Amino acid sequence: MNSKFAQQLGSEETYPHLLEKNYPHIVEKMALHWEAATFEDYLASLLFDQRGHRAGFPPGILQEIFSLQNHYRSRQAPRPISIDTWADSVALPRRHHGE
């Protein structure tokens, strides 16, 4: 067990034992990224094939990755909720018929 990562997680329940058994190098990288803003980017690189030839992970491994993602997100500061759905939208110039 990666003691640094186990300590970072703070919970034995979320430790990815199956992932570590089959892909120990991934758990090592997760430990490096956990406290950085790059953790979710690293997870995305695992889950979404950018090279076009990966076979994907078995279901048990995917479950552990998704559990880690949920655990990570639950420990982050909540994002402010905007009351106005369109507040962050960009105003585009209007076109008139016949232009």
PDB file of N, CA and C in Angstrom:
ATOM      1  N   MET A   1       0.837  -1.176   0.000  1.00  0.00           N
ATOM      2  CA  MET A   1       0.000   0.000   0.000  1.00  0.00           C
ATOM      3  C   MET A   1       0.883   1.241   0.000  1.00  0.00           C
ATOM      4  N   ASN A   2       0.519   2.199  -0.813  1.00  0.00           N
ATOM      5  CA  ASN A   2       1.234   3.461  -0.874  1.00  0.00           C
ATOM      6  C   ASN A   2       0.798   4.287   0.339  1.00  0.00           C
ATOM      7  N   SER A   3       1.653   4.372   1.347  1.00  0.00           N
ATOM      8  CA  SER A   3       1.279   5.024   2.602  1.00  0.00           C
ATOM      9  C   SER A   3       0.992   6.511   2.422  1.00  0.00           C
ATOM     10  N   LYS A   4       1.737   7.158   1.535  1.00  0.00           N
ATOM     11  CA  LYS A   4       1.498   8.585   1.280  1.00  0.00           C
ATOM     12  C   LYS A   4       0.088   8.784   0.719  1.00  0.00           C
ATOM     13  N   PHE A   5      -0.278   7.971  -0.258  1.00  0.00           N
ATOM     14  CA  PHE A   5      -1.591   8.097  -0.884  1.00  0.00           C
ATOM     15  C   PHE A   5      -2.695   7.723   0.099  1.00  0.00           C
ATOM     16  N   ALA A   6      -2.472   6.688   0.884  1.00  0.00           N
ATOM     17  CA  ALA A   6      -3.459   6.285   1.891  1.00  0.00           C
ATOM     18  C   ALA A   6      -3.709   7.421   2.879  1.00  0.00           C
ATOM     19  N   GLN A   7      -2.649   8.094   3.273  1.00  0.00           N
ATOM     20  CA  GLN A   7      -2.778   9.214   4.204  1.00  0.00           C
ATOM     21  C   GLN A   7      -3.506  10.379   3.526  1.00  0.00           C
ATOM     22  N   GLN A   8      -3.198  10.634   2.275  1.00  0.00           N
ATOM     23  CA  GLN A   8      -3.869  11.711   1.547  1.00  0.00           C
ATOM     24  C   GLN A   8      -5.368  11.445   1.426  1.00  0.00           C
ATOM     25  N   LEU A   9      -5.723  10.211   1.178  1.00  0.00           N
ATOM     26  CA  LEU A   9      -7.134   9.853   1.033  1.00  0.00           C
ATOM     27  C   LEU A   9      -7.880   9.986   2.354  1.00  0.00           C
ATOM     28  N   GLY A  10      -7.207   9.633   3.447  1.00  0.00           N
ATOM     29  CA  GLY A  10      -7.816   9.746   4.756  1.00  0.00           C
ATOM     30  C   GLY A  10      -8.873   8.696   5.051  1.00  0.00           C
ATOM     31  N   SER A  11      -8.997   7.705   4.176  1.00  0.00           N
ATOM     32  CA  SER A  11     -10.015   6.677   4.365  1.00  0.00           C
ATOM     33  C   SER A  11      -9.568   5.375   3.708  1.00  0.00           C
ATOM     34  N   GLU A  12      -9.579   4.314   4.470  1.00  0.00           N
ATOM     35  CA  GLU A  12      -9.221   2.994   3.944  1.00  0.00           C
ATOM     36  C   GLU A  12     -10.245   2.536   2.904  1.00  0.00           C
ATOM     37  N   GLU A  13     -11.474   2.968   3.074  1.00  0.00           N
ATOM     38  CA  GLU A  13     -12.550   2.546   2.165  1.00  0.00           C
ATOM     39  C   GLU A  13     -12.330   3.018   0.731  1.00  0.00           C
ATOM     40  N   THR A  14     -11.678   4.139   0.558  1.00  0.00           N
ATOM     41  CA  THR A  14     -11.486   4.673  -0.788  1.00  0.00           C
ATOM     42  C   THR A  14     -10.151   4.281  -1.410  1.00  0.00           C
ATOM     43  N   TYR A  15      -9.312   3.560  -0.672  1.00  0.00           N
ATOM     44  CA  TYR A  15      -8.011   3.188  -1.231  1.00  0.00           C
ATOM     45  C   TYR A  15      -8.213   2.193  -2.380  1.00  0.00           C
ATOM     46  N   PRO A  16      -7.553   2.429  -3.519  1.00  0.00           N
ATOM     47  CA  PRO A  16      -7.731   1.582  -4.707  1.00  0.00           C
ATOM     48  C   PRO A  16      -6.854   0.320  -4.697  1.00  0.00           C
ATOM     49  N   HIS A  17      -7.215  -0.649  -3.907  1.00  0.00           N
ATOM     50  CA  HIS A  17      -6.411  -1.874  -3.774  1.00  0.00           C
ATOM     51  C   HIS A  17      -6.284  -2.641  -5.095  1.00  0.00           C
ATOM     52  N   LEU A  18      -7.380  -2.786  -5.790  1.00  0.00           N
ATOM     53  CA  LEU A  18      -7.359  -3.516  -7.060  1.00  0.00           C
ATOM     54  C   LEU A  18      -6.523  -2.779  -8.105  1.00  0.00           C
ATOM     55  N   LEU A  19      -6.665  -1.477  -8.145  1.00  0.00           N
ATOM     56  CA  LEU A  19      -5.870  -0.662  -9.061  1.00  0.00           C
ATOM     57  C   LEU A  19      -4.383  -0.800  -8.750  1.00  0.00           C
ATOM     58  N   GLU A  20      -4.047  -0.748  -7.468  1.00  0.00           N
ATOM     59  CA  GLU A  20      -2.642  -0.872  -7.072  1.00  0.00           C
ATOM     60  C   GLU A  20      -2.081  -2.247  -7.424  1.00  0.00           C
ATOM     61  N   LYS A  21      -2.881  -3.265  -7.246  1.00  0.00           N
ATOM     62  CA  LYS A  21      -2.426  -4.632  -7.548  1.00  0.00           C
ATOM     63  C   LYS A  21      -2.119  -4.796  -9.036  1.00  0.00           C
ATOM     64  N   ASN A  22      -2.956  -4.201  -9.889  1.00  0.00           N
ATOM     65  CA  ASN A  22      -2.812  -4.386 -11.330  1.00  0.00           C
ATOM     66  C   ASN A  22      -2.037  -3.271 -12.037  1.00  0.00           C
ATOM     67  N   TYR A  23      -2.072  -2.077 -11.479  1.00  0.00           N
ATOM     68  CA  TYR A  23      -1.423  -0.923 -12.110  1.00  0.00           C
ATOM     69  C   TYR A  23      -0.745  -0.064 -11.043  1.00  0.00           C
ATOM     70  N   PRO A  24       0.289  -0.566 -10.390  1.00  0.00           N
ATOM     71  CA  PRO A  24       0.914   0.189  -9.295  1.00  0.00           C
ATOM     72  C   PRO A  24       1.477   1.548  -9.738  1.00  0.00           C
ATOM     73  N   HIS A  25       1.916   1.643 -10.981  1.00  0.00           N
ATOM     74  CA  HIS A  25       2.453   2.916 -11.473  1.00  0.00           C
ATOM     75  C   HIS A  25       1.376   3.998 -11.517  1.00  0.00           C
ATOM     76  N   ILE A  26       0.127   3.612 -11.731  1.00  0.00           N
ATOM     77  CA  ILE A  26      -0.972   4.586 -11.749  1.00  0.00           C
ATOM     78  C   ILE A  26      -1.228   5.122 -10.344  1.00  0.00           C
ATOM     79  N   VAL A  27      -1.189   4.243  -9.356  1.00  0.00           N
ATOM     80  CA  VAL A  27      -1.390   4.683  -7.969  1.00  0.00           C
ATOM     81  C   VAL A  27      -0.268   5.634  -7.555  1.00  0.00           C
ATOM     82  N   GLU A  28       0.951   5.355  -7.998  1.00  0.00           N
ATOM     83  CA  GLU A  28       2.074   6.257  -7.704  1.00  0.00           C
ATOM     84  C   GLU A  28       1.818   7.647  -8.287  1.00  0.00           C
ATOM     85  N   LYS A  29       1.345   7.693  -9.537  1.00  0.00           N
ATOM     86  CA  LYS A  29       1.065   8.986 -10.162  1.00  0.00           C
ATOM     87  C   LYS A  29      -0.111   9.684  -9.483  1.00  0.00           C
ATOM     88  N   MET A  30      -1.109   8.925  -9.065  1.00  0.00           N
ATOM     89  CA  MET A  30      -2.245   9.519  -8.356  1.00  0.00           C
ATOM     90  C   MET A  30      -1.775  10.190  -7.074  1.00  0.00           C
ATOM     91  N   ALA A  31      -0.871   9.553  -6.375  1.00  0.00           N
ATOM     92  CA  ALA A  31      -0.339  10.129  -5.134  1.00  0.00           C
ATOM     93  C   ALA A  31       0.372  11.448  -5.416  1.00  0.00           C
ATOM     94  N   LEU A  32       1.048  11.534  -6.550  1.00  0.00           N
ATOM     95  CA  LEU A  32       1.751  12.769  -6.916  1.00  0.00           C
ATOM     96  C   LEU A  32       0.775  13.889  -7.283  1.00  0.00           C
ATOM     97  N   HIS A  33      -0.319  13.530  -7.929  1.00  0.00           N
ATOM     98  CA  HIS A  33      -1.277  14.522  -8.412  1.00  0.00           C
ATOM     99  C   HIS A  33      -2.366  14.875  -7.405  1.00  0.00           C
ATOM    100  N   TRP A  34      -2.563  14.059  -6.370  1.00  0.00           N
ATOM    101  CA  TRP A  34      -3.709  14.217  -5.468  1.00  0.00           C
ATOM    102  C   TRP A  34      -3.872  15.639  -4.927  1.00  0.00           C
ATOM    103  N   GLU A  35      -2.807  16.232  -4.465  1.00  0.00           N
ATOM    104  CA  GLU A  35      -2.904  17.557  -3.848  1.00  0.00           C
ATOM    105  C   GLU A  35      -2.678  18.686  -4.853  1.00  0.00           C
ATOM    106  N   ALA A  36      -2.583  18.350  -6.110  1.00  0.00           N
ATOM    107  CA  ALA A  36      -2.376  19.368  -7.152  1.00  0.00           C
ATOM    108  C   ALA A  36      -3.666  19.564  -7.946  1.00  0.00           C
ATOM    109  N   ALA A  37      -3.725  20.659  -8.634  1.00  0.00           N
ATOM    110  CA  ALA A  37      -4.897  20.946  -9.457  1.00  0.00           C
ATOM    111  C   ALA A  37      -4.979  20.013 -10.669  1.00  0.00           C
ATOM    112  N   THR A  38      -3.963  19.204 -10.865  1.00  0.00           N
ATOM    113  CA  THR A  38      -3.895  18.329 -12.032  1.00  0.00           C
ATOM    114  C   THR A  38      -4.521  16.951 -11.814  1.00  0.00           C
ATOM    115  N   PHE A  39      -5.046  16.684 -10.613  1.00  0.00           N
ATOM    116  CA  PHE A  39      -5.566  15.345 -10.326  1.00  0.00           C
ATOM    117  C   PHE A  39      -6.703  14.960 -11.274  1.00  0.00           C
ATOM    118  N   GLU A  40      -7.668  15.839 -11.441  1.00  0.00           N
ATOM    119  CA  GLU A  40      -8.794  15.495 -12.316  1.00  0.00           C
ATOM    120  C   GLU A  40      -8.356  15.372 -13.778  1.00  0.00           C
ATOM    121  N   ASP A  41      -7.387  16.159 -14.181  1.00  0.00           N
ATOM    122  CA  ASP A  41      -6.852  16.022 -15.541  1.00  0.00           C
ATOM    123  C   ASP A  41      -6.192  14.655 -15.712  1.00  0.00           C
ATOM    124  N   TYR A  42      -5.482  14.220 -14.681  1.00  0.00           N
ATOM    125  CA  TYR A  42      -4.844  12.904 -14.746  1.00  0.00           C
ATOM    126  C   TYR A  42      -5.903  11.805 -14.839  1.00  0.00           C
ATOM    127  N   LEU A  43      -6.963  11.908 -14.037  1.00  0.00           N
ATOM    128  CA  LEU A  43      -8.041  10.925 -14.113  1.00  0.00           C
ATOM    129  C   LEU A  43      -8.667  10.908 -15.507  1.00  0.00           C
ATOM    130  N   ALA A  44      -8.888  12.077 -16.059  1.00  0.00           N
ATOM    131  CA  ALA A  44      -9.471  12.157 -17.401  1.00  0.00           C
ATOM    132  C   ALA A  44      -8.569  11.472 -18.425  1.00  0.00           C
ATOM    133  N   SER A  45      -7.261  11.611 -18.259  1.00  0.00           N
ATOM    134  CA  SER A  45      -6.329  10.964 -19.192  1.00  0.00           C
ATOM    135  C   SER A  45      -6.394   9.446 -19.076  1.00  0.00           C
ATOM    136  N   LEU A  46      -6.781   8.961 -17.892  1.00  0.00           N
ATOM    137  CA  LEU A  46      -6.941   7.519 -17.712  1.00  0.00           C
ATOM    138  C   LEU A  46      -8.249   7.020 -18.314  1.00  0.00           C
ATOM    139  N   LEU A  47      -9.285   7.817 -18.173  1.00  0.00           N
ATOM    140  CA  LEU A  47     -10.620   7.384 -18.564  1.00  0.00           C
ATOM    141  C   LEU A  47     -10.938   7.597 -20.041  1.00  0.00           C
ATOM    142  N   PHE A  48     -10.323   8.599 -20.648  1.00  0.00           N
ATOM    143  CA  PHE A  48     -10.623   8.912 -22.037  1.00  0.00           C
ATOM    144  C   PHE A  48      -9.397   8.687 -22.897  1.00  0.00           C
ATOM    145  N   ASP A  49      -9.535   7.818 -23.878  1.00  0.00           N
ATOM    146  CA  ASP A  49      -8.434   7.426 -24.749  1.00  0.00           C
ATOM    147  C   ASP A  49      -8.075   8.557 -25.703  1.00  0.00           C
ATOM    148  N   GLN A  50      -6.886   9.101 -25.541  1.00  0.00           N
ATOM    149  CA  GLN A  50      -6.393  10.156 -26.424  1.00  0.00           C
ATOM    150  C   GLN A  50      -5.525   9.594 -27.551  1.00  0.00           C
ATOM    151  N   ARG A  51      -5.101   8.357 -27.416  1.00  0.00           N
ATOM    152  CA  ARG A  51      -4.188   7.757 -28.394  1.00  0.00           C
ATOM    153  C   ARG A  51      -4.899   6.895 -29.428  1.00  0.00           C
ATOM    154  N   GLY A  52      -6.085   6.415 -29.081  1.00  0.00           N
ATOM    155  CA  GLY A  52      -6.858   5.644 -30.043  1.00  0.00           C
ATOM    156  C   GLY A  52      -6.603   4.150 -30.072  1.00  0.00           C
ATOM    157  N   HIS A  53      -5.827   3.619 -29.144  1.00  0.00           N
ATOM    158  CA  HIS A  53      -5.561   2.191 -29.187  1.00  0.00           C
ATOM    159  C   HIS A  53      -5.626   1.504 -27.817  1.00  0.00           C
ATOM    160  N   ARG A  54      -6.157   2.176 -26.832  1.00  0.00           N
ATOM    161  CA  ARG A  54      -6.242   1.571 -25.499  1.00  0.00           C
ATOM    162  C   ARG A  54      -7.459   0.661 -25.403  1.00  0.00           C
ATOM    163  N   ALA A  55      -7.303  -0.418 -24.670  1.00  0.00           N
ATOM    164  CA  ALA A  55      -8.397  -1.373 -24.495  1.00  0.00           C
ATOM    165  C   ALA A  55      -9.362  -0.955 -23.390  1.00  0.00           C
ATOM    166  N   GLY A  56      -8.934  -0.104 -22.497  1.00  0.00           N
ATOM    167  CA  GLY A  56      -9.785   0.304 -21.382  1.00  0.00           C
ATOM    168  C   GLY A  56      -9.524  -0.556 -20.152  1.00  0.00           C
ATOM    169  N   PHE A  57     -10.082  -0.132 -19.037  1.00  0.00           N
ATOM    170  CA  PHE A  57      -9.899  -0.842 -17.771  1.00  0.00           C
ATOM    171  C   PHE A  57     -11.053  -1.796 -17.516  1.00  0.00           C
ATOM    172  N   PRO A  58     -10.779  -2.867 -16.768  1.00  0.00           N
ATOM    173  CA  PRO A  58     -11.860  -3.755 -16.346  1.00  0.00           C
ATOM    174  C   PRO A  58     -12.831  -3.006 -15.420  1.00  0.00           C
ATOM    175  N   PRO A  59     -14.069  -3.477 -15.305  1.00  0.00           N
ATOM    176  CA  PRO A  59     -15.078  -2.787 -14.493  1.00  0.00           C
ATOM    177  C   PRO A  59     -14.666  -2.497 -13.050  1.00  0.00           C
ATOM    178  N   GLY A  60     -14.004  -3.410 -12.383  1.00  0.00           N
ATOM    179  CA  GLY A  60     -13.588  -3.192 -10.995  1.00  0.00           C
ATOM    180  C   GLY A  60     -12.603  -2.036 -10.858  1.00  0.00           C
ATOM    181  N   ILE A  61     -11.707  -1.926 -11.816  1.00  0.00           N
ATOM    182  CA  ILE A  61     -10.727  -0.832 -11.822  1.00  0.00           C
ATOM    183  C   ILE A  61     -11.446   0.498 -12.073  1.00  0.00           C
ATOM    184  N   LEU A  62     -12.357   0.496 -13.037  1.00  0.00           N
ATOM    185  CA  LEU A  62     -13.128   1.712 -13.318  1.00  0.00           C
ATOM    186  C   LEU A  62     -13.897   2.172 -12.093  1.00  0.00           C
ATOM    187  N   GLN A  63     -14.475   1.230 -11.381  1.00  0.00           N
ATOM    188  CA  GLN A  63     -15.231   1.581 -10.169  1.00  0.00           C
ATOM    189  C   GLN A  63     -14.330   2.271  -9.154  1.00  0.00           C
ATOM    190  N   GLU A  64     -13.123   1.767  -8.979  1.00  0.00           N
ATOM    191  CA  GLU A  64     -12.196   2.406  -8.043  1.00  0.00           C
ATOM    192  C   GLU A  64     -11.802   3.811  -8.509  1.00  0.00           C
ATOM    193  N   ILE A  65     -11.590   3.973  -9.801  1.00  0.00           N
ATOM    194  CA  ILE A  65     -11.231   5.288 -10.333  1.00  0.00           C
ATOM    195  C   ILE A  65     -12.384   6.275 -10.121  1.00  0.00           C
ATOM    196  N   PHE A  66     -13.604   5.844 -10.420  1.00  0.00           N
ATOM    197  CA  PHE A  66     -14.760   6.718 -10.212  1.00  0.00           C
ATOM    198  C   PHE A  66     -14.958   7.034  -8.731  1.00  0.00           C
ATOM    199  N   SER A  67     -14.716   6.065  -7.873  1.00  0.00           N
ATOM    200  CA  SER A  67     -14.826   6.310  -6.429  1.00  0.00           C
ATOM    201  C   SER A  67     -13.796   7.337  -5.973  1.00  0.00           C
ATOM    202  N   LEU A  68     -12.584   7.233  -6.494  1.00  0.00           N
ATOM    203  CA  LEU A  68     -11.544   8.215  -6.167  1.00  0.00           C
ATOM    204  C   LEU A  68     -11.926   9.601  -6.678  1.00  0.00           C
ATOM    205  N   GLN A  69     -12.485   9.651  -7.866  1.00  0.00           N
ATOM    206  CA  GLN A  69     -12.916  10.932  -8.417  1.00  0.00           C
ATOM    207  C   GLN A  69     -13.991  11.568  -7.528  1.00  0.00           C
ATOM    208  N   ASN A  70     -14.964  10.785  -7.116  1.00  0.00           N
ATOM    209  CA  ASN A  70     -16.017  11.292  -6.232  1.00  0.00           C
ATOM    210  C   ASN A  70     -15.448  11.741  -4.892  1.00  0.00           C
ATOM    211  N   HIS A  71     -14.544  10.958  -4.348  1.00  0.00           N
ATOM    212  CA  HIS A  71     -13.918  11.302  -3.069  1.00  0.00           C
ATOM    213  C   HIS A  71     -13.129  12.603  -3.193  1.00  0.00           C
ATOM    214  N   TYR A  72     -12.378  12.743  -4.277  1.00  0.00           N
ATOM    215  CA  TYR A  72     -11.598  13.955  -4.521  1.00  0.00           C
ATOM    216  C   TYR A  72     -12.524  15.167  -4.611  1.00  0.00           C
ATOM    217  N   ARG A  73     -13.580  15.039  -5.387  1.00  0.00           N
ATOM    218  CA  ARG A  73     -14.508  16.158  -5.567  1.00  0.00           C
ATOM    219  C   ARG A  73     -15.210  16.524  -4.264  1.00  0.00           C
ATOM    220  N   SER A  74     -15.489  15.543  -3.435  1.00  0.00           N
ATOM    221  CA  SER A  74     -16.179  15.817  -2.171  1.00  0.00           C
ATOM    222  C   SER A  74     -15.298  16.603  -1.204  1.00  0.00           C
ATOM    223  N   ARG A  75     -14.002  16.560  -1.410  1.00  0.00           N
ATOM    224  CA  ARG A  75     -13.066  17.266  -0.528  1.00  0.00           C
ATOM    225  C   ARG A  75     -12.709  18.654  -1.040  1.00  0.00           C
ATOM    226  N   GLN A  76     -13.186  19.002  -2.220  1.00  0.00           N
ATOM    227  CA  GLN A  76     -12.900  20.310  -2.799  1.00  0.00           C
ATOM    228  C   GLN A  76     -13.920  21.330  -2.303  1.00  0.00           C
ATOM    229  N   ALA A  77     -13.527  22.583  -2.332  1.00  0.00           N
ATOM    230  CA  ALA A  77     -14.444  23.661  -1.945  1.00  0.00           C
ATOM    231  C   ALA A  77     -15.593  23.701  -2.946  1.00  0.00           C
ATOM    232  N   PRO A  78     -16.802  23.893  -2.464  1.00  0.00           N
ATOM    233  CA  PRO A  78     -17.934  23.941  -3.402  1.00  0.00           C
ATOM    234  C   PRO A  78     -17.835  25.139  -4.328  1.00  0.00           C
ATOM    235  N   ARG A  79     -18.252  24.933  -5.548  1.00  0.00           N
ATOM    236  CA  ARG A  79     -18.247  26.006  -6.533  1.00  0.00           C
ATOM    237  C   ARG A  79     -19.472  26.878  -6.313  1.00  0.00           C
ATOM    238  N   PRO A  80     -19.334  28.190  -6.468  1.00  0.00           N
ATOM    239  CA  PRO A  80     -20.497  29.064  -6.292  1.00  0.00           C
ATOM    240  C   PRO A  80     -21.547  28.781  -7.358  1.00  0.00           C
ATOM    241  N   ILE A  81     -22.790  28.822  -6.947  1.00  0.00           N
ATOM    242  CA  ILE A  81     -23.891  28.579  -7.863  1.00  0.00           C
ATOM    243  C   ILE A  81     -24.447  29.924  -8.311  1.00  0.00           C
ATOM    244  N   SER A  82     -24.508  30.116  -9.614  1.00  0.00           N
ATOM    245  CA  SER A  82     -25.034  31.352 -10.163  1.00  0.00           C
ATOM    246  C   SER A  82     -26.556  31.251 -10.251  1.00  0.00           C
ATOM    247  N   ILE A  83     -27.238  32.277  -9.806  1.00  0.00           N
ATOM    248  CA  ILE A  83     -28.695  32.300  -9.895  1.00  0.00           C
ATOM    249  C   ILE A  83     -29.122  32.573 -11.331  1.00  0.00           C
ATOM    250  N   ASP A  84     -28.370  33.399 -12.021  1.00  0.00           N
ATOM    251  CA  ASP A  84     -28.677  33.737 -13.400  1.00  0.00           C
ATOM    252  C   ASP A  84     -27.940  32.786 -14.332  1.00  0.00           C
ATOM    253  N   THR A  85     -28.677  31.925 -14.981  1.00  0.00           N
ATOM    254  CA  THR A  85     -28.086  30.926 -15.876  1.00  0.00           C
ATOM    255  C   THR A  85     -27.244  31.563 -16.970  1.00  0.00           C
ATOM    256  N   TRP A  86     -27.661  32.712 -17.445  1.00  0.00           N
ATOM    257  CA  TRP A  86     -26.995  33.355 -18.573  1.00  0.00           C
ATOM    258  C   TRP A  86     -25.955  34.388 -18.141  1.00  0.00           C
ATOM    259  N   ALA A  87     -25.680  34.512 -16.865  1.00  0.00           N
ATOM    260  CA  ALA A  87     -24.761  35.542 -16.366  1.00  0.00           C
ATOM    261  C   ALA A  87     -23.360  35.424 -16.949  1.00  0.00           C
ATOM    262  N   ASP A  88     -22.909  34.224 -17.198  1.00  0.00           N
ATOM    263  CA  ASP A  88     -21.551  34.032 -17.701  1.00  0.00           C
ATOM    264  C   ASP A  88     -21.494  33.894 -19.217  1.00  0.00           C
ATOM    265  N   SER A  89     -22.623  34.069 -19.893  1.00  0.00           N
ATOM    266  CA  SER A  89     -22.648  33.898 -21.347  1.00  0.00           C
ATOM    267  C   SER A  89     -22.031  35.113 -22.037  1.00  0.00           C
ATOM    268  N   VAL A  90     -21.600  34.888 -23.225  1.00  0.00           N
ATOM    269  CA  VAL A  90     -20.985  35.953 -24.020  1.00  0.00           C
ATOM    270  C   VAL A  90     -22.044  36.507 -24.955  1.00  0.00           C
ATOM    271  N   ALA A  91     -22.169  37.815 -25.002  1.00  0.00           N
ATOM    272  CA  ALA A  91     -23.141  38.446 -25.895  1.00  0.00           C
ATOM    273  C   ALA A  91     -22.590  38.413 -27.319  1.00  0.00           C
ATOM    274  N   LEU A  92     -23.360  37.859 -28.227  1.00  0.00           N
ATOM    275  CA  LEU A  92     -22.971  37.798 -29.636  1.00  0.00           C
ATOM    276  C   LEU A  92     -23.740  38.873 -30.395  1.00  0.00           C
ATOM    277  N   PRO A  93     -23.114  39.451 -31.389  1.00  0.00           N
ATOM    278  CA  PRO A  93     -23.837  40.455 -32.170  1.00  0.00           C
ATOM    279  C   PRO A  93     -25.029  39.811 -32.869  1.00  0.00           C
ATOM    280  N   ARG A  94     -26.138  40.516 -32.897  1.00  0.00           N
ATOM    281  CA  ARG A  94     -27.342  40.011 -33.535  1.00  0.00           C
ATOM    282  C   ARG A  94     -27.260  40.238 -35.039  1.00  0.00           C
ATOM    283  N   ARG A  95     -27.770  39.267 -35.754  1.00  0.00           N
ATOM    284  CA  ARG A  95     -27.862  39.395 -37.207  1.00  0.00           C
ATOM    285  C   ARG A  95     -29.301  39.662 -37.572  1.00  0.00           C
ATOM    286  N   HIS A  96     -29.509  40.500 -38.531  1.00  0.00           N
ATOM    287  CA  HIS A  96     -30.852  40.794 -39.014  1.00  0.00           C
ATOM    288  C   HIS A  96     -31.112  39.986 -40.259  1.00  0.00           C
ATOM    289  N   HIS A  97     -32.378  39.657 -40.484  1.00  0.00           N
ATOM    290  CA  HIS A  97     -32.735  38.886 -41.694  1.00  0.00           C
ATOM    291  C   HIS A  97     -32.293  39.649 -42.925  1.00  0.00           C
ATOM    292  N   GLY A  98     -31.760  38.939 -43.860  1.00  0.00           N
ATOM    293  CA  GLY A  98     -31.351  39.542 -45.117  1.00  0.00           C
ATOM    294  C   GLY A  98     -29.895  39.983 -45.135  1.00  0.00           C
ATOM    295  N   GLU A  99     -29.180  39.760 -44.069  1.00  0.00           N
ATOM    296  CA  GLU A  99     -27.753  40.142 -44.057  1.00  0.00           C
ATOM    297  C   GLU A  99     -26.897  39.047 -44.596  1.00  0.00           C
TER     298      GLU A  99
END
